Protein backbone atom coordinates (compact mmCIF):
# COMPACT_ATOMS: atom_id res chain seq x y z
CA MET A 1 -127.16 -42.22 -62.97
CA ALA A 2 -128.34 -43.19 -66.47
CA ASN A 3 -131.69 -44.26 -65.03
CA PHE A 4 -132.02 -40.88 -63.30
CA PHE A 5 -131.55 -38.85 -66.49
CA SER A 6 -133.76 -41.13 -68.53
CA ALA A 7 -136.58 -40.95 -65.96
CA SER A 8 -139.47 -38.50 -66.24
CA GLN A 9 -139.44 -35.24 -64.29
CA GLU A 10 -141.83 -36.63 -61.66
CA GLU A 11 -139.67 -39.72 -61.21
CA GLN A 12 -136.59 -37.55 -60.85
CA GLN A 13 -138.27 -35.45 -58.17
CA GLU A 14 -139.38 -38.56 -56.29
CA LEU A 15 -135.83 -39.93 -56.43
CA LEU A 16 -134.37 -36.66 -55.15
CA LEU A 17 -136.93 -36.53 -52.34
CA SER A 18 -136.07 -40.10 -51.44
CA ILE A 19 -132.37 -39.24 -51.27
CA TRP A 20 -133.14 -36.13 -49.22
CA HIS A 21 -135.27 -37.96 -46.65
CA ARG A 22 -132.66 -40.68 -46.35
CA PHE A 23 -129.53 -38.51 -46.10
CA LYS A 24 -130.84 -35.07 -45.09
CA TYR A 25 -128.95 -34.99 -41.76
CA LEU A 26 -125.68 -35.92 -43.46
CA ILE A 27 -126.28 -33.30 -46.16
CA ILE A 28 -127.09 -30.61 -43.58
CA ALA A 29 -124.03 -31.57 -41.49
CA PHE A 30 -121.84 -31.41 -44.59
CA PHE A 31 -122.94 -27.88 -45.49
CA ILE A 32 -122.61 -26.71 -41.88
CA LEU A 33 -119.09 -28.14 -41.71
CA LEU A 34 -118.22 -26.54 -45.05
CA THR A 35 -119.49 -23.14 -43.88
CA VAL A 36 -117.63 -23.37 -40.57
CA SER A 37 -114.41 -24.37 -42.37
CA ILE A 38 -114.63 -21.40 -44.73
CA VAL A 39 -115.34 -18.96 -41.90
CA ALA A 40 -112.54 -20.42 -39.75
CA ARG A 41 -110.07 -20.27 -42.63
CA ASP A 42 -110.90 -16.64 -43.35
CA TYR A 43 -110.64 -15.76 -39.63
CA ILE A 44 -107.25 -17.46 -39.27
CA THR A 45 -105.97 -15.79 -42.44
CA ASP A 46 -107.16 -12.35 -41.32
CA SER A 47 -105.71 -12.87 -37.83
CA ARG A 48 -102.36 -13.98 -39.24
CA ASP A 49 -102.23 -11.00 -41.61
CA ALA A 50 -103.07 -8.61 -38.76
CA ARG A 51 -100.40 -10.20 -36.53
CA ASP A 52 -97.76 -10.06 -39.27
CA PHE A 53 -98.56 -6.41 -39.91
CA LYS A 54 -98.28 -5.58 -36.20
CA LEU A 55 -94.95 -7.39 -35.96
CA ALA A 56 -93.60 -5.51 -38.98
CA VAL A 57 -94.71 -2.17 -37.52
CA LEU A 58 -93.15 -2.95 -34.13
CA PHE A 59 -89.87 -3.98 -35.72
CA GLN A 60 -89.78 -0.84 -37.86
CA LYS A 61 -90.39 1.27 -34.75
CA TYR A 62 -87.59 -0.60 -32.97
CA LEU A 63 -85.17 0.17 -35.80
CA GLU A 64 -86.13 3.85 -35.70
CA SER A 65 -86.16 4.12 -31.90
CA ASP A 66 -83.36 5.25 -29.59
CA GLU A 67 -84.97 3.48 -26.64
CA ASN A 68 -83.43 0.13 -27.55
CA MET A 69 -84.92 -2.51 -25.23
CA ASN A 70 -87.29 -0.19 -23.36
CA GLY A 71 -89.74 0.28 -26.22
CA PRO A 72 -90.85 -1.73 -29.28
CA GLY A 73 -87.92 -4.13 -28.93
CA LYS A 74 -88.99 -5.16 -25.44
CA GLU A 75 -92.59 -5.59 -26.59
CA LEU A 76 -91.44 -7.88 -29.40
CA LEU A 77 -89.37 -10.04 -27.04
CA ASP A 78 -92.04 -10.16 -24.33
CA THR A 79 -95.10 -10.72 -26.54
CA TYR A 80 -93.68 -12.50 -29.59
CA PRO A 81 -90.48 -14.22 -28.36
CA GLU A 82 -90.62 -17.05 -30.91
CA THR A 83 -90.76 -14.88 -34.04
CA LEU A 84 -87.92 -14.07 -36.42
CA TYR A 85 -88.40 -10.39 -35.61
CA SER A 86 -87.46 -11.14 -32.00
CA ASP A 87 -84.34 -12.97 -33.18
CA PHE A 88 -83.32 -9.92 -35.20
CA VAL A 89 -83.82 -7.79 -32.08
CA ARG A 90 -81.62 -10.19 -30.11
CA LEU A 91 -78.87 -9.99 -32.75
CA SER A 92 -78.99 -6.21 -32.72
CA GLU A 93 -79.06 -5.96 -28.93
CA ALA A 94 -76.19 -8.45 -28.61
CA LYS A 95 -74.09 -6.16 -30.79
CA ARG A 96 -74.99 -3.19 -28.58
CA GLU A 97 -74.21 -5.08 -25.38
CA PHE A 98 -70.84 -6.20 -26.73
CA SER A 99 -69.96 -2.63 -27.71
CA ARG A 100 -70.73 -1.61 -24.11
CA GLY A 101 -68.41 -4.30 -22.76
CA GLU A 102 -71.34 -6.43 -21.54
CA ASP A 103 -70.02 -9.68 -23.00
CA ASP A 104 -72.14 -12.00 -20.85
CA LYS A 105 -75.38 -10.24 -21.79
CA ALA A 106 -74.43 -10.42 -25.46
CA ILE A 107 -73.65 -14.14 -25.15
CA ASP A 108 -76.98 -14.82 -23.44
CA LEU A 109 -78.92 -13.13 -26.26
CA LEU A 110 -77.02 -14.97 -28.97
CA GLN A 111 -77.32 -18.30 -27.17
CA ILE A 112 -81.11 -17.93 -27.13
CA ILE A 113 -81.10 -17.78 -30.93
CA ILE A 114 -78.81 -20.79 -31.26
CA ASN A 115 -80.76 -22.89 -28.74
CA LYS A 116 -84.08 -21.92 -30.29
CA HIS A 117 -83.10 -23.45 -33.62
CA SER A 118 -81.10 -26.38 -32.26
CA ASN A 119 -83.84 -28.91 -33.06
CA ALA A 120 -84.53 -27.54 -36.52
CA SER A 121 -83.39 -29.02 -39.81
CA GLN A 122 -79.64 -29.38 -40.31
CA GLU A 123 -79.94 -27.18 -43.40
CA PHE A 124 -78.06 -23.89 -43.35
CA ASN A 125 -79.78 -21.19 -41.28
CA PRO A 126 -78.30 -17.70 -41.88
CA LEU A 127 -79.74 -16.38 -38.61
CA VAL A 128 -78.03 -19.11 -36.58
CA ALA A 129 -74.81 -18.60 -38.56
CA ALA A 130 -74.86 -14.89 -37.71
CA ALA A 131 -75.39 -15.66 -34.01
CA GLN A 132 -72.63 -18.29 -34.04
CA THR A 133 -70.21 -15.90 -35.75
CA ARG A 134 -70.78 -13.20 -33.15
CA ILE A 135 -70.66 -15.50 -30.14
CA CYS A 136 -67.45 -17.18 -31.37
CA ARG A 137 -65.79 -13.81 -31.83
CA ILE A 138 -66.70 -12.93 -28.25
CA TYR A 139 -65.33 -16.22 -26.94
CA ILE A 140 -62.10 -15.78 -28.91
CA SER A 141 -61.71 -12.23 -27.57
CA GLN A 142 -62.02 -13.79 -24.08
CA LYS A 143 -59.55 -16.55 -25.03
CA GLU A 144 -62.32 -19.10 -24.43
CA TYR A 145 -61.32 -21.10 -27.48
CA GLN A 146 -62.89 -24.41 -26.45
CA LYS A 147 -66.26 -22.69 -25.94
CA ALA A 148 -66.03 -21.36 -29.48
CA LEU A 149 -65.40 -24.88 -30.77
CA ASP A 150 -68.24 -26.27 -28.67
CA THR A 151 -70.57 -23.69 -30.23
CA LEU A 152 -69.71 -24.98 -33.71
CA SER A 153 -69.52 -28.68 -32.89
CA LYS A 154 -73.19 -29.46 -33.63
CA SER A 155 -73.38 -27.56 -36.92
CA GLN A 156 -73.31 -29.61 -40.11
CA VAL A 157 -72.92 -26.58 -42.39
CA LEU A 158 -70.38 -23.84 -41.62
CA THR A 159 -69.74 -20.64 -43.54
CA ALA A 160 -66.26 -19.55 -44.55
CA SER A 161 -66.24 -17.08 -41.64
CA LEU A 162 -67.19 -19.79 -39.14
CA LEU A 163 -64.59 -22.17 -40.54
CA GLU A 164 -61.96 -19.45 -40.17
CA LEU A 165 -63.03 -18.84 -36.57
CA LYS A 166 -62.90 -22.59 -35.99
CA GLY A 167 -59.36 -22.63 -37.35
CA ASP A 168 -58.38 -19.69 -35.14
CA SER A 169 -59.64 -21.51 -32.05
CA GLU A 170 -57.95 -24.79 -33.00
CA SER A 171 -54.69 -22.98 -33.69
CA ALA A 172 -54.84 -21.19 -30.33
CA LEU A 173 -55.33 -24.56 -28.62
CA GLY A 174 -52.34 -26.05 -30.45
CA LYS A 175 -54.47 -28.26 -32.70
CA PHE A 176 -52.54 -27.23 -35.79
CA GLU A 177 -53.51 -30.12 -38.06
CA LEU A 178 -57.21 -29.50 -37.41
CA ALA A 179 -56.67 -25.76 -37.83
CA ARG A 180 -55.06 -26.33 -41.25
CA VAL A 181 -58.06 -28.38 -42.39
CA SER A 182 -60.48 -25.70 -41.18
CA TYR A 183 -58.53 -22.94 -42.91
CA LEU A 184 -58.40 -24.89 -46.17
CA ARG A 185 -62.15 -25.44 -46.05
CA ALA A 186 -62.64 -21.74 -45.34
CA LEU A 187 -60.38 -20.93 -48.28
CA GLN A 188 -62.52 -23.05 -50.60
CA ASN A 189 -65.75 -21.43 -49.46
CA SER A 190 -64.63 -17.80 -49.21
CA PRO A 191 -65.81 -15.52 -52.05
CA SER A 192 -63.65 -12.58 -50.88
CA GLN A 193 -60.13 -12.10 -52.20
CA THR A 194 -59.19 -10.18 -49.06
CA SER A 195 -60.43 -12.98 -46.81
CA ARG A 196 -58.65 -15.58 -48.93
CA ALA A 197 -55.39 -13.67 -48.62
CA LEU A 198 -55.77 -13.47 -44.84
CA ILE A 199 -56.56 -17.18 -44.58
CA ASN A 200 -53.51 -18.02 -46.71
CA MET A 201 -51.38 -16.01 -44.27
CA LYS A 202 -52.80 -17.99 -41.36
CA ILE A 203 -52.05 -21.25 -43.16
CA SER A 204 -48.51 -20.09 -43.82
CA ASP A 205 -48.06 -19.26 -40.15
CA LEU A 206 -48.99 -22.85 -39.33
CA GLU A 207 -46.16 -24.18 -41.46
CA GLY A 208 -43.62 -23.34 -38.78
CA GLU A 209 -45.65 -24.98 -36.03
CA THR A 210 -45.06 -28.45 -34.73
CA ILE A 211 -47.96 -30.70 -35.64
CA ASP A 212 -48.97 -33.20 -32.99
């Protein structure tokens, strides 16, 4: 490099021409690749922004619509089933189905959310926790206590609400020692004074039970 800057202008030009003739195809390929990469990046970014905007618009229309699953909600589930917006639709529709007495339909919608994230990181996922909470409440209302426990068995992180539901199911199955542990964990994690008082009542009710 020092020789290049110390050379005369004619020598510099000859050196540059020599480099060009020797590496011109590599240089041309580099600039073509650079241009294609920039264009592709801009296209992907624009496409992603357009898709995100469309998803947001569809979800807003779903929230404002009375058509439920016959309009924007159905389009979200059919066209973009793997998005978070579709999961929010499933949560909302599961609540509607449960209020109509369609427990099985509600369970199916909630199970899709849980299964979809089953291979994800073991870190806390609020969407999965919401689905688990609702599906466990349905199972408990059906007296399907073991199914509620099975739903929670693979979760490493449980909210206070889920721990309380776990304790309810264990207590109903006569697993009072396990129920006490679940209630105590729920008590530690619960930020609500009302919930803590209710959990304390449930723990007190266990005191009179025979522990296996």
